[in-house]
Amino acid sequence: MSRLLAAITLFTSIMLTILLTIACSIPIIAAGILKILLPFPLIWRGISAFCNGMMYCWCEGLAALLHLNPQLKWDVEGLENLNKSNGYLLICNHHSWADIVVLCVLFRKHIPMNKYFLKQQLAWVPFMGLACWALDMPFMKRYSRSYLIRHPERRGKDVETTRRSCEKFRAHPTTIVNFVEGSRFTEEKRVGTRSPFKHLLAPKAAGIAMALNVLGKQFDKLLNVTLCYPENDNTPFYDMLSGKVTRIVVRVNLVTVDEALYGDYINDKNFKRRFQGWLNALWNEKDMQIEGIKSAYKNAGH
């Protein structure tokens, strides 16, 4: 692709994405305000269904915009046996803003509409922040270890936010998405945090442990999703907007949620240790899976 065409595609993608987001966000925000004014469960359920429908329209629009990548190919495994009538907890590695686009487009027809754990800063993004609020997505505020030492009263606030948000999802099947690394992967972050993995940051277990504990049997399965951009690993989101993404690799593994994964992560130290160990083992397998994907495409000459 020529530089001129890439620049034109980049501008077109940005403008169309902004217009799509505004067009879908305004009805969602209006519905969210109506939900505050009319606090009745029956009305809430109807409004939530409408908001999810508008988010589906947004996902369809993103799927259409991906056609600006004329050479894009998907390499996907594991979509079988997914069902929109079941609830899922989806955990995924986080490499780029492109990840959200991929998850929205790929799963829009297979599972209930995705609800993301979001950073507090995203609440202030025009249109999108209010729309996510209206969709009942939890906003998480991360605190550094040094900050928590100075302000111990803030410890556990994210977990409480998770608990309150998950309570809202009891009424209907929902897919809760958590990028458990807590931040997008970079080599600098990996080194700086002393991550034991080659392609991943160390996972944070509190959020998904609380979600499992609050919603319990409502989750049919845990979806362990691995994303990789083997030919656009450095700047996948920029390349996606520029029409230069050529390959998106997705592996979906259904993990059985057994009784051992339910417990009090905050107060039960033994359970916390076991749960973190289980998640670390899952992340180790994911790290090896990403290494295998990258090696396979490299050896194939892609």
C-alpha atoms as a PDB file:
ATOM      1  CA  MET A   1       0.000   0.000   0.000  1.00  0.00           C
ATOM      2  CA  SER A   2       1.372   3.421  -0.984  1.00  0.00           C
ATOM      3  CA  ARG A   3       1.937   6.105   1.619  1.00  0.00           C
ATOM      4  CA  LEU A   4      -0.677   8.353  -0.001  1.00  0.00           C
ATOM      5  CA  LEU A   5      -3.332   5.629   0.061  1.00  0.00           C
ATOM      6  CA  ALA A   6      -2.435   4.749   3.666  1.00  0.00           C
ATOM      7  CA  ALA A   7      -2.781   8.429   4.665  1.00  0.00           C
ATOM      8  CA  ILE A   8      -6.158   8.702   2.942  1.00  0.00           C
ATOM      9  CA  THR A   9      -7.340   5.472   4.575  1.00  0.00           C
ATOM     10  CA  LEU A  10      -6.133   6.677   7.985  1.00  0.00           C
ATOM     11  CA  PHE A  11      -8.055   9.958   7.691  1.00  0.00           C
ATOM     12  CA  THR A  12     -11.169   8.210   6.380  1.00  0.00           C
ATOM     13  CA  SER A  13     -11.063   5.568   9.123  1.00  0.00           C
ATOM     14  CA  ILE A  14     -10.688   8.145  11.896  1.00  0.00           C
ATOM     15  CA  MET A  15     -13.529  10.331  10.607  1.00  0.00           C
ATOM     16  CA  LEU A  16     -15.913   7.417  10.014  1.00  0.00           C
ATOM     17  CA  THR A  17     -15.104   5.895  13.422  1.00  0.00           C
ATOM     18  CA  ILE A  18     -15.807   9.221  15.144  1.00  0.00           C
ATOM     19  CA  LEU A  19     -19.094   9.664  13.272  1.00  0.00           C
ATOM     20  CA  LEU A  20     -20.125   6.062  13.985  1.00  0.00           C
ATOM     21  CA  THR A  21     -19.316   6.453  17.676  1.00  0.00           C
ATOM     22  CA  ILE A  22     -21.270   9.708  17.984  1.00  0.00           C
ATOM     23  CA  ALA A  23     -24.264   8.291  16.094  1.00  0.00           C
ATOM     24  CA  CYS A  24     -24.461   5.248  18.380  1.00  0.00           C
ATOM     25  CA  SER A  25     -23.488   7.019  21.615  1.00  0.00           C
ATOM     26  CA  ILE A  26     -26.161   9.738  21.600  1.00  0.00           C
ATOM     27  CA  PRO A  27     -29.141   7.319  21.772  1.00  0.00           C
ATOM     28  CA  ILE A  28     -27.339   5.253  24.428  1.00  0.00           C
ATOM     29  CA  ILE A  29     -26.619   8.332  26.560  1.00  0.00           C
ATOM     30  CA  ALA A  30     -30.219   9.514  26.230  1.00  0.00           C
ATOM     31  CA  ALA A  31     -31.438   6.057  27.272  1.00  0.00           C
ATOM     32  CA  GLY A  32     -29.058   6.079  30.241  1.00  0.00           C
ATOM     33  CA  ILE A  33     -30.473   9.407  31.445  1.00  0.00           C
ATOM     34  CA  LEU A  34     -33.999   8.013  31.050  1.00  0.00           C
ATOM     35  CA  LYS A  35     -32.988   5.042  33.193  1.00  0.00           C
ATOM     36  CA  ILE A  36     -32.063   7.455  36.012  1.00  0.00           C
ATOM     37  CA  LEU A  37     -35.331   9.362  35.686  1.00  0.00           C
ATOM     38  CA  LEU A  38     -37.461   6.192  35.629  1.00  0.00           C
ATOM     39  CA  PRO A  39     -35.909   3.851  38.207  1.00  0.00           C
ATOM     40  CA  PHE A  40     -38.168   0.850  37.644  1.00  0.00           C
ATOM     41  CA  PRO A  41     -36.758  -2.670  36.982  1.00  0.00           C
ATOM     42  CA  LEU A  42     -39.031  -3.386  34.006  1.00  0.00           C
ATOM     43  CA  ILE A  43     -38.047  -0.094  32.340  1.00  0.00           C
ATOM     44  CA  TRP A  44     -34.379  -0.708  33.157  1.00  0.00           C
ATOM     45  CA  ARG A  45     -34.456  -4.061  31.393  1.00  0.00           C
ATOM     46  CA  GLY A  46     -36.045  -2.545  28.307  1.00  0.00           C
ATOM     47  CA  ILE A  47     -33.554   0.327  28.239  1.00  0.00           C
ATOM     48  CA  SER A  48     -30.625  -2.070  28.730  1.00  0.00           C
ATOM     49  CA  ALA A  49     -31.844  -4.147  25.785  1.00  0.00           C
ATOM     50  CA  PHE A  50     -32.057  -0.980  23.654  1.00  0.00           C
ATOM     51  CA  CYS A  51     -28.534   0.103  24.690  1.00  0.00           C
ATOM     52  CA  ASN A  52     -27.151  -3.334  23.856  1.00  0.00           C
ATOM     53  CA  GLY A  53     -28.861  -3.117  20.459  1.00  0.00           C
ATOM     54  CA  MET A  54     -27.179   0.214  19.768  1.00  0.00           C
ATOM     55  CA  MET A  55     -23.835  -1.210  20.797  1.00  0.00           C
ATOM     56  CA  TYR A  56     -24.434  -4.075  18.368  1.00  0.00           C
ATOM     57  CA  CYS A  57     -24.966  -1.451  15.637  1.00  0.00           C
ATOM     58  CA  TRP A  58     -21.629   0.103  16.629  1.00  0.00           C
ATOM     59  CA  CYS A  59     -19.953  -3.303  16.320  1.00  0.00           C
ATOM     60  CA  GLU A  60     -21.528  -3.832  12.890  1.00  0.00           C
ATOM     61  CA  GLY A  61     -20.190  -0.447  11.832  1.00  0.00           C
ATOM     62  CA  LEU A  62     -16.694  -1.383  12.982  1.00  0.00           C
ATOM     63  CA  ALA A  63     -16.970  -4.632  11.016  1.00  0.00           C
ATOM     64  CA  ALA A  64     -17.830  -2.621   7.911  1.00  0.00           C
ATOM     65  CA  LEU A  65     -14.908  -0.250   8.488  1.00  0.00           C
ATOM     66  CA  LEU A  66     -12.492  -3.185   8.586  1.00  0.00           C
ATOM     67  CA  HIS A  67     -13.193  -3.609   4.885  1.00  0.00           C
ATOM     68  CA  LEU A  68     -10.898  -0.600   4.442  1.00  0.00           C
ATOM     69  CA  ASN A  69      -8.167  -3.198   5.080  1.00  0.00           C
ATOM     70  CA  PRO A  70      -8.367  -4.902   1.657  1.00  0.00           C
ATOM     71  CA  GLN A  71      -5.837  -7.628   2.463  1.00  0.00           C
ATOM     72  CA  LEU A  72      -6.973  -8.426   6.000  1.00  0.00           C
ATOM     73  CA  LYS A  73      -7.220 -12.134   6.803  1.00  0.00           C
ATOM     74  CA  TRP A  74      -8.597 -13.678   9.981  1.00  0.00           C
ATOM     75  CA  ASP A  75      -7.102 -16.777  11.557  1.00  0.00           C
ATOM     76  CA  VAL A  76      -9.655 -17.776  14.217  1.00  0.00           C
ATOM     77  CA  GLU A  77     -10.121 -20.981  16.183  1.00  0.00           C
ATOM     78  CA  GLY A  78     -12.597 -21.843  18.926  1.00  0.00           C
ATOM     79  CA  LEU A  79     -15.881 -20.084  18.110  1.00  0.00           C
ATOM     80  CA  GLU A  80     -17.801 -23.357  18.154  1.00  0.00           C
ATOM     81  CA  ASN A  81     -20.401 -23.989  20.876  1.00  0.00           C
ATOM     82  CA  LEU A  82     -20.719 -20.324  21.874  1.00  0.00           C
ATOM     83  CA  ASN A  83     -24.259 -19.191  22.619  1.00  0.00           C
ATOM     84  CA  LYS A  84     -25.916 -15.786  23.097  1.00  0.00           C
ATOM     85  CA  SER A  85     -28.182 -17.201  25.791  1.00  0.00           C
ATOM     86  CA  ASN A  86     -25.230 -17.992  28.081  1.00  0.00           C
ATOM     87  CA  GLY A  87     -23.205 -15.623  30.235  1.00  0.00           C
ATOM     88  CA  TYR A  88     -19.422 -15.492  29.866  1.00  0.00           C
ATOM     89  CA  LEU A  89     -16.439 -14.034  31.646  1.00  0.00           C
ATOM     90  CA  LEU A  90     -13.933 -13.219  28.894  1.00  0.00           C
ATOM     91  CA  ILE A  91     -10.268 -12.704  29.742  1.00  0.00           C
ATOM     92  CA  CYS A  92      -7.767 -11.635  27.137  1.00  0.00           C
ATOM     93  CA  ASN A  93      -4.234 -10.382  26.676  1.00  0.00           C
ATOM     94  CA  HIS A  94      -4.035  -6.673  25.850  1.00  0.00           C
ATOM     95  CA  HIS A  95      -1.642  -5.481  23.182  1.00  0.00           C
ATOM     96  CA  SER A  96      -3.376  -2.541  21.506  1.00  0.00           C
ATOM     97  CA  TRP A  97      -6.534  -0.447  21.175  1.00  0.00           C
ATOM     98  CA  ALA A  98      -7.163  -2.711  18.190  1.00  0.00           C
ATOM     99  CA  ASP A  99      -8.033  -5.475  20.674  1.00  0.00           C
ATOM    100  CA  ILE A 100     -11.383  -3.862  21.522  1.00  0.00           C
ATOM    101  CA  VAL A 101     -12.293  -3.591  17.852  1.00  0.00           C
ATOM    102  CA  VAL A 102     -11.352  -7.226  17.263  1.00  0.00           C
ATOM    103  CA  LEU A 103     -13.374  -8.525  20.224  1.00  0.00           C
ATOM    104  CA  CYS A 104     -16.431  -6.440  19.310  1.00  0.00           C
ATOM    105  CA  VAL A 105     -16.405  -7.488  15.662  1.00  0.00           C
ATOM    106  CA  LEU A 106     -15.510 -11.129  16.176  1.00  0.00           C
ATOM    107  CA  PHE A 107     -17.948 -12.000  18.977  1.00  0.00           C
ATOM    108  CA  ARG A 108     -20.915  -9.763  18.117  1.00  0.00           C
ATOM    109  CA  LYS A 109     -22.979 -12.663  16.698  1.00  0.00           C
ATOM    110  CA  HIS A 110     -21.769 -15.412  19.024  1.00  0.00           C
ATOM    111  CA  ILE A 111     -22.116 -14.236  22.646  1.00  0.00           C
ATOM    112  CA  PRO A 112     -24.017 -11.580  24.654  1.00  0.00           C
ATOM    113  CA  MET A 113     -22.819  -8.031  24.059  1.00  0.00           C
ATOM    114  CA  ASN A 114     -19.419  -7.340  25.589  1.00  0.00           C
ATOM    115  CA  LYS A 115     -19.132  -5.179  28.710  1.00  0.00           C
ATOM    116  CA  TYR A 116     -15.600  -3.991  29.440  1.00  0.00           C
ATOM    117  CA  PHE A 117     -13.697  -3.190  32.615  1.00  0.00           C
ATOM    118  CA  LEU A 118     -12.423   0.301  31.768  1.00  0.00           C
ATOM    119  CA  LYS A 119      -9.822   2.662  33.161  1.00  0.00           C
ATOM    120  CA  GLN A 120     -11.250   5.647  35.049  1.00  0.00           C
ATOM    121  CA  GLN A 121      -9.668   8.072  32.565  1.00  0.00           C
ATOM    122  CA  LEU A 122     -11.888   6.770  29.748  1.00  0.00           C
ATOM    123  CA  ALA A 123     -14.962   8.137  31.501  1.00  0.00           C
ATOM    124  CA  TRP A 124     -13.943  11.590  30.236  1.00  0.00           C
ATOM    125  CA  VAL A 125     -13.656  10.633  26.552  1.00  0.00           C
ATOM    126  CA  PRO A 126     -16.366  12.628  24.705  1.00  0.00           C
ATOM    127  CA  PHE A 127     -19.490  10.581  23.873  1.00  0.00           C
ATOM    128  CA  MET A 128     -17.785   7.226  24.466  1.00  0.00           C
ATOM    129  CA  GLY A 129     -17.315   7.749  28.210  1.00  0.00           C
ATOM    130  CA  LEU A 130     -20.984   8.594  28.828  1.00  0.00           C
ATOM    131  CA  ALA A 131     -22.126   5.776  26.549  1.00  0.00           C
ATOM    132  CA  CYS A 132     -20.047   3.268  28.495  1.00  0.00           C
ATOM    133  CA  TRP A 133     -21.547   4.635  31.706  1.00  0.00           C
ATOM    134  CA  ALA A 134     -25.063   4.161  30.294  1.00  0.00           C
ATOM    135  CA  LEU A 135     -24.129   0.599  29.353  1.00  0.00           C
ATOM    136  CA  ASP A 136     -23.192  -0.055  33.018  1.00  0.00           C
ATOM    137  CA  MET A 137     -19.558  -0.751  32.233  1.00  0.00           C
ATOM    138  CA  PRO A 138     -17.373  -0.598  35.377  1.00  0.00           C
ATOM    139  CA  PHE A 139     -14.708   2.133  35.502  1.00  0.00           C
ATOM    140  CA  MET A 140     -11.647   1.058  37.451  1.00  0.00           C
ATOM    141  CA  LYS A 141      -9.158   3.401  39.113  1.00  0.00           C
ATOM    142  CA  ARG A 142      -5.751   1.810  39.554  1.00  0.00           C
ATOM    143  CA  TYR A 143      -3.529   2.812  42.472  1.00  0.00           C
ATOM    144  CA  SER A 144       0.211   2.295  42.686  1.00  0.00           C
ATOM    145  CA  ARG A 145       1.729   0.310  45.546  1.00  0.00           C
ATOM    146  CA  SER A 146       3.364   3.470  46.952  1.00  0.00           C
ATOM    147  CA  TYR A 147       0.042   5.343  46.850  1.00  0.00           C
ATOM    148  CA  LEU A 148      -1.741   2.541  48.717  1.00  0.00           C
ATOM    149  CA  ILE A 149       0.951   2.590  51.392  1.00  0.00           C
ATOM    150  CA  ARG A 150       0.244   6.295  51.932  1.00  0.00           C
ATOM    151  CA  HIS A 151      -3.550   5.857  51.580  1.00  0.00           C
ATOM    152  CA  PRO A 152      -4.494   2.399  52.880  1.00  0.00           C
ATOM    153  CA  GLU A 153      -8.170   3.392  52.949  1.00  0.00           C
ATOM    154  CA  ARG A 154      -8.145   3.155  49.118  1.00  0.00           C
ATOM    155  CA  ARG A 155      -7.159  -0.498  49.162  1.00  0.00           C
ATOM    156  CA  GLY A 156      -9.875  -2.706  47.668  1.00  0.00           C
ATOM    157  CA  LYS A 157     -11.819   0.141  46.014  1.00  0.00           C
ATOM    158  CA  ASP A 158     -11.497  -1.449  42.550  1.00  0.00           C
ATOM    159  CA  VAL A 159     -12.844  -4.699  43.902  1.00  0.00           C
ATOM    160  CA  GLU A 160     -15.859  -2.934  45.399  1.00  0.00           C
ATOM    161  CA  THR A 161     -16.487  -1.236  42.041  1.00  0.00           C
ATOM    162  CA  THR A 162     -16.371  -4.658  40.407  1.00  0.00           C
ATOM    163  CA  ARG A 163     -18.860  -6.051  42.903  1.00  0.00           C
ATOM    164  CA  ARG A 164     -21.381  -3.226  42.381  1.00  0.00           C
ATOM    165  CA  SER A 165     -21.101  -3.422  38.599  1.00  0.00           C
ATOM    166  CA  CYS A 166     -21.489  -7.183  38.477  1.00  0.00           C
ATOM    167  CA  GLU A 167     -24.664  -6.962  40.554  1.00  0.00           C
ATOM    168  CA  LYS A 168     -26.270  -5.083  37.647  1.00  0.00           C
ATOM    169  CA  PHE A 169     -25.622  -7.987  35.272  1.00  0.00           C
ATOM    170  CA  ARG A 170     -27.684 -10.534  37.188  1.00  0.00           C
ATOM    171  CA  ALA A 171     -30.878  -9.809  35.246  1.00  0.00           C
ATOM    172  CA  HIS A 172     -29.741 -11.017  31.818  1.00  0.00           C
ATOM    173  CA  PRO A 173     -26.901 -12.961  30.129  1.00  0.00           C
ATOM    174  CA  THR A 174     -23.818 -10.775  29.817  1.00  0.00           C
ATOM    175  CA  THR A 175     -20.259 -11.073  28.603  1.00  0.00           C
ATOM    176  CA  ILE A 176     -17.871  -9.335  30.987  1.00  0.00           C
ATOM    177  CA  VAL A 177     -14.507  -8.594  29.372  1.00  0.00           C
ATOM    178  CA  ASN A 178     -11.430  -8.081  31.524  1.00  0.00           C
ATOM    179  CA  PHE A 179      -7.955  -7.354  30.186  1.00  0.00           C
ATOM    180  CA  VAL A 180      -6.399  -8.804  33.315  1.00  0.00           C
ATOM    181  CA  GLU A 181      -2.942  -7.366  32.681  1.00  0.00           C
ATOM    182  CA  GLY A 182      -4.457  -3.987  33.531  1.00  0.00           C
ATOM    183  CA  SER A 183      -2.553  -2.171  30.779  1.00  0.00           C
ATOM    184  CA  ARG A 184      -1.512  -2.574  27.154  1.00  0.00           C
ATOM    185  CA  PHE A 185       1.617  -4.661  26.698  1.00  0.00           C
ATOM    186  CA  THR A 186       4.892  -2.992  25.789  1.00  0.00           C
ATOM    187  CA  GLU A 187       8.398  -4.312  26.144  1.00  0.00           C
ATOM    188  CA  GLU A 188       9.225  -1.395  28.458  1.00  0.00           C
ATOM    189  CA  LYS A 189       6.331  -2.290  30.770  1.00  0.00           C
ATOM    190  CA  ARG A 190       7.289  -5.951  30.711  1.00  0.00           C
ATOM    191  CA  VAL A 191      10.827  -5.171  31.804  1.00  0.00           C
ATOM    192  CA  GLY A 192       9.783  -2.446  34.234  1.00  0.00           C
ATOM    193  CA  THR A 193       7.267  -4.684  36.024  1.00  0.00           C
ATOM    194  CA  ARG A 194       9.607  -7.717  35.904  1.00  0.00           C
ATOM    195  CA  SER A 195       6.971  -9.808  34.209  1.00  0.00           C
ATOM    196  CA  PRO A 196       7.898 -13.520  34.145  1.00  0.00           C
ATOM    197  CA  PHE A 197       6.396 -13.813  30.647  1.00  0.00           C
ATOM    198  CA  LYS A 198       7.911 -13.066  27.255  1.00  0.00           C
ATOM    199  CA  HIS A 199       4.849 -11.629  25.502  1.00  0.00           C
ATOM    200  CA  LEU A 200       2.591 -10.669  28.408  1.00  0.00           C
ATOM    201  CA  LEU A 201       2.410  -8.582  31.548  1.00  0.00           C
ATOM    202  CA  ALA A 202       1.667 -10.373  34.810  1.00  0.00           C
ATOM    203  CA  PRO A 203      -2.113 -10.861  35.282  1.00  0.00           C
ATOM    204  CA  LYS A 204      -4.121  -9.205  38.058  1.00  0.00           C
ATOM    205  CA  ALA A 205      -6.604 -11.627  39.580  1.00  0.00           C
ATOM    206  CA  ALA A 206      -8.825  -9.523  41.883  1.00  0.00           C
ATOM    207  CA  GLY A 207     -11.310  -8.323  39.252  1.00  0.00           C
ATOM    208  CA  ILE A 208     -12.176 -11.677  37.732  1.00  0.00           C
ATOM    209  CA  ALA A 209     -12.147 -13.395  41.128  1.00  0.00           C
ATOM    210  CA  MET A 210     -14.766 -10.919  42.360  1.00  0.00           C
ATOM    211  CA  ALA A 211     -16.823 -11.227  39.163  1.00  0.00           C
ATOM    212  CA  LEU A 212     -16.910 -15.009  39.542  1.00  0.00           C
ATOM    213  CA  ASN A 213     -17.806 -14.758  43.214  1.00  0.00           C
ATOM    214  CA  VAL A 214     -20.626 -12.250  42.669  1.00  0.00           C
ATOM    215  CA  LEU A 215     -22.232 -13.754  39.568  1.00  0.00           C
ATOM    216  CA  GLY A 216     -21.359 -17.368  40.321  1.00  0.00           C
ATOM    217  CA  LYS A 217     -23.334 -19.861  38.259  1.00  0.00           C
ATOM    218  CA  GLN A 218     -24.521 -17.153  35.861  1.00  0.00           C
ATOM    219  CA  PHE A 219     -21.283 -17.693  33.949  1.00  0.00           C
ATOM    220  CA  ASP A 220     -21.604 -20.740  31.740  1.00  0.00           C
ATOM    221  CA  LYS A 221     -17.928 -20.792  30.826  1.00  0.00           C
ATOM    222  CA  LEU A 222     -14.834 -18.659  31.072  1.00  0.00           C
ATOM    223  CA  LEU A 223     -13.592 -17.555  27.652  1.00  0.00           C
ATOM    224  CA  ASN A 224      -9.815 -17.404  27.525  1.00  0.00           C
ATOM    225  CA  VAL A 225      -8.994 -15.388  24.386  1.00  0.00           C
ATOM    226  CA  THR A 226      -5.542 -14.909  22.894  1.00  0.00           C
ATOM    227  CA  LEU A 227      -4.949 -12.131  20.343  1.00  0.00           C
ATOM    228  CA  CYS A 228      -1.942 -11.747  18.108  1.00  0.00           C
ATOM    229  CA  TYR A 229      -1.012  -9.529  15.158  1.00  0.00           C
ATOM    230  CA  PRO A 230       1.967 -11.470  13.769  1.00  0.00           C
ATOM    231  CA  GLU A 231       2.557  -9.169  10.789  1.00  0.00           C
ATOM    232  CA  ASN A 232       1.703  -5.870  12.524  1.00  0.00           C
ATOM    233  CA  ASP A 233       3.023  -6.435  16.022  1.00  0.00           C
ATOM    234  CA  ASN A 234       4.519  -2.970  16.576  1.00  0.00           C
ATOM    235  CA  THR A 235       1.578  -0.659  15.784  1.00  0.00           C
ATOM    236  CA  PRO A 236      -1.549  -2.768  15.140  1.00  0.00           C
ATOM    237  CA  PHE A 237      -4.103  -0.028  15.882  1.00  0.00           C
ATOM    238  CA  TYR A 238      -2.385   2.543  13.663  1.00  0.00           C
ATOM    239  CA  ASP A 239      -2.024  -0.084  10.949  1.00  0.00           C
ATOM    240  CA  MET A 240      -5.694  -1.014  11.328  1.00  0.00           C
ATOM    241  CA  LEU A 241      -6.750   2.597  10.826  1.00  0.00           C
ATOM    242  CA  SER A 242      -4.330   2.928   7.901  1.00  0.00           C
ATOM    243  CA  GLY A 243      -5.662  -0.172   6.145  1.00  0.00           C
ATOM    244  CA  LYS A 244      -2.364  -2.019   6.589  1.00  0.00           C
ATOM    245  CA  VAL A 245      -3.323  -4.798   9.018  1.00  0.00           C
ATOM    246  CA  THR A 246      -2.943  -8.046   7.105  1.00  0.00           C
ATOM    247  CA  ARG A 247      -3.485 -10.783   9.698  1.00  0.00           C
ATOM    248  CA  ILE A 248      -5.434 -11.071  12.954  1.00  0.00           C
ATOM    249  CA  VAL A 249      -4.959 -14.315  14.871  1.00  0.00           C
ATOM    250  CA  VAL A 250      -7.470 -15.243  17.579  1.00  0.00           C
ATOM    251  CA  ARG A 251      -7.565 -18.384  19.721  1.00  0.00           C
ATOM    252  CA  VAL A 252     -10.608 -18.970  21.927  1.00  0.00           C
ATOM    253  CA  ASN A 253     -10.502 -21.561  24.690  1.00  0.00           C
ATOM    254  CA  LEU A 254     -13.528 -22.467  26.797  1.00  0.00           C
ATOM    255  CA  VAL A 255     -12.460 -23.034  30.391  1.00  0.00           C
ATOM    256  CA  THR A 256     -14.764 -24.815  32.818  1.00  0.00           C
ATOM    257  CA  VAL A 257     -15.571 -22.738  35.900  1.00  0.00           C
ATOM    258  CA  ASP A 258     -15.465 -25.212  38.779  1.00  0.00           C
ATOM    259  CA  GLU A 259     -16.142 -24.774  42.478  1.00  0.00           C
ATOM    260  CA  ALA A 260     -12.469 -24.158  43.280  1.00  0.00           C
ATOM    261  CA  LEU A 261     -12.668 -20.779  41.491  1.00  0.00           C
ATOM    262  CA  TYR A 262     -15.332 -19.390  43.828  1.00  0.00           C
ATOM    263  CA  GLY A 263     -14.167 -17.752  47.037  1.00  0.00           C
ATOM    264  CA  ASP A 264     -13.342 -14.610  48.994  1.00  0.00           C
ATOM    265  CA  TYR A 265     -10.302 -13.192  47.218  1.00  0.00           C
ATOM    266  CA  ILE A 266      -9.941 -10.265  49.610  1.00  0.00           C
ATOM    267  CA  ASN A 267     -10.137 -11.959  52.989  1.00  0.00           C
ATOM    268  CA  ASP A 268      -9.143 -15.581  52.309  1.00  0.00           C
ATOM    269  CA  LYS A 269      -5.373 -15.602  51.789  1.00  0.00           C
ATOM    270  CA  ASN A 270      -5.245 -19.302  50.893  1.00  0.00           C
ATOM    271  CA  PHE A 271      -7.903 -18.871  48.217  1.00  0.00           C
ATOM    272  CA  LYS A 272      -6.143 -15.762  46.910  1.00  0.00           C
ATOM    273  CA  ARG A 273      -2.893 -17.698  46.562  1.00  0.00           C
ATOM    274  CA  ARG A 274      -4.601 -20.616  44.781  1.00  0.00           C
ATOM    275  CA  PHE A 275      -6.556 -18.345  42.427  1.00  0.00           C
ATOM    276  CA  GLN A 276      -3.496 -16.294  41.484  1.00  0.00           C
ATOM    277  CA  GLY A 277      -1.575 -19.519  40.874  1.00  0.00           C
ATOM    278  CA  TRP A 278      -4.356 -20.816  38.605  1.00  0.00           C
ATOM    279  CA  LEU A 279      -4.382 -17.559  36.624  1.00  0.00           C
ATOM    280  CA  ASN A 280      -0.578 -17.502  36.346  1.00  0.00           C
ATOM    281  CA  ALA A 281      -0.649 -21.045  34.924  1.00  0.00           C
ATOM    282  CA  LEU A 282      -3.277 -19.964  32.378  1.00  0.00           C
ATOM    283  CA  TRP A 283      -1.103 -16.978  31.453  1.00  0.00           C
ATOM    284  CA  ASN A 284       1.962 -19.173  31.050  1.00  0.00           C
ATOM    285  CA  GLU A 285       0.057 -21.302  28.523  1.00  0.00           C
ATOM    286  CA  LYS A 286      -1.064 -18.131  26.728  1.00  0.00           C
ATOM    287  CA  ASP A 287       2.520 -16.869  26.577  1.00  0.00           C
ATOM    288  CA  MET A 288       3.656 -20.107  24.953  1.00  0.00           C
ATOM    289  CA  GLN A 289       0.689 -19.978  22.573  1.00  0.00           C
ATOM    290  CA  ILE A 290       1.650 -16.484  21.379  1.00  0.00           C
ATOM    291  CA  GLU A 291       5.255 -17.610  20.947  1.00  0.00           C
ATOM    292  CA  GLY A 292       4.026 -20.531  18.834  1.00  0.00           C
ATOM    293  CA  ILE A 293       1.825 -18.302  16.667  1.00  0.00           C
ATOM    294  CA  LYS A 294       4.623 -15.827  15.995  1.00  0.00           C
ATOM    295  CA  SER A 295       7.124 -18.591  15.247  1.00  0.00           C
ATOM    296  CA  ALA A 296       4.705 -20.320  12.880  1.00  0.00           C
ATOM    297  CA  TYR A 297       4.117 -17.171  10.809  1.00  0.00           C
ATOM    298  CA  LYS A 298       7.783 -16.230  10.864  1.00  0.00           C
ATOM    299  CA  ASN A 299       8.840 -19.688   9.669  1.00  0.00           C
ATOM    300  CA  ALA A 300       6.134 -19.645   6.990  1.00  0.00           C
ATOM    301  CA  GLY A 301       7.708 -16.528   5.559  1.00  0.00           C
ATOM    302  CA  HIS A 302       4.758 -14.178   6.255  1.00  0.00           C
END
